[in-house]
Every structure is written in C-alpha cells, then in structure tokens.
Amino acid sequence: MNNKEILEIRKQVLSIATSLALQETERTGEDYSKALNKALDEACIRLGIEHKEFIKMFI
C-alpha cells in the first residue's frame, strides 16, 4: 500500500468511526471516548481492515 492509499483508508475509518460514535452518544448518552473505541472497531469491520493493521497506519 502506498502513502496515498493509507491516508485514504485512515480518513475513511476515522470518518465512519466519528459518525458511529456520535450516533451512539446521542442514542444512549454514553461518553464519547467510550463510544469511539467501539466505533473504531466497527468501522474497521465495515471496511474489512484488521484493527492491528489500522493501528500500524499511524506508526
């Protein structure tokens, strides 16, 4: 994967995760930081990216 592809995937995961976390906080009143952790996992699943691979994109 080249840098452009990595940046695009990171952007997609973060965008989906942010949206999911905001929806969850509105729906349940859960703390955003807790909702974001779950949302990141869900975003990775939806995009078919392993969580560990997503983390490696920031290193």
Protein backbone atom coordinates (compact mmCIF):
# COMPACT_ATOMS: atom_id res chain seq x y z
CA MET A 1 0.00 0.00 0.00
CA ASN A 2 1.32 3.45 -0.83
CA ASN A 3 1.04 6.55 1.37
CA LYS A 4 -1.93 7.92 -0.56
CA GLU A 5 -3.89 4.70 -0.06
CA ILE A 6 -3.00 4.58 3.62
CA LEU A 7 -4.13 8.16 4.15
CA GLU A 8 -7.43 7.47 2.36
CA ILE A 9 -8.14 4.37 4.46
CA ARG A 10 -7.30 6.24 7.67
CA LYS A 11 -9.64 9.02 6.61
CA GLN A 12 -12.46 6.57 5.84
CA VAL A 13 -12.08 4.70 9.14
CA LEU A 14 -11.98 7.89 11.19
CA SER A 15 -14.95 9.38 9.36
CA ILE A 16 -17.11 6.29 9.87
CA ALA A 17 -15.98 5.90 13.48
CA THR A 18 -16.73 9.52 14.31
CA SER A 19 -20.20 9.24 12.81
CA LEU A 20 -20.93 5.99 14.64
CA ALA A 21 -19.65 7.35 17.96
CA LEU A 22 -21.76 10.49 17.68
CA GLN A 23 -24.84 8.42 16.85
CA GLU A 24 -24.18 6.18 19.85
CA THR A 25 -23.72 9.09 22.26
CA GLU A 26 -26.97 10.66 21.05
CA ARG A 27 -28.83 7.37 21.30
CA THR A 28 -27.52 6.17 24.68
CA GLY A 29 -25.87 9.15 26.37
CA GLU A 30 -22.66 7.13 26.60
CA ASP A 31 -19.39 9.04 26.97
CA TYR A 32 -17.94 9.90 23.54
CA SER A 33 -14.49 8.43 24.28
CA LYS A 34 -16.03 5.08 25.22
CA ALA A 35 -18.31 5.11 22.21
CA LEU A 36 -15.38 5.99 19.94
CA ASN A 37 -13.41 2.87 20.91
CA LYS A 38 -16.31 0.64 19.91
CA ALA A 39 -16.96 2.73 16.80
CA LEU A 40 -13.35 2.33 15.62
CA ASP A 41 -13.70 -1.43 15.86
CA GLU A 42 -16.96 -1.31 13.92
CA ALA A 43 -15.52 0.99 11.24
CA CYS A 44 -12.62 -1.41 10.69
CA ILE A 45 -15.04 -4.32 10.36
CA ARG A 46 -17.19 -2.43 7.85
CA LEU A 47 -14.16 -1.58 5.72
CA GLY A 48 -12.62 -5.04 6.04
CA ILE A 49 -9.50 -3.80 7.81
CA GLU A 50 -7.93 -5.61 10.72
CA HIS A 51 -7.72 -3.41 13.82
CA LYS A 52 -3.97 -4.08 14.12
CA GLU A 53 -3.44 -3.01 10.51
CA PHE A 54 -5.29 0.22 11.18
CA ILE A 55 -3.09 0.94 14.20
CA LYS A 56 0.03 0.30 12.10
CA MET A 57 -1.08 3.03 9.71
CA PHE A 58 -0.23 5.60 12.37
CA ILE A 59 3.28 4.32 13.02
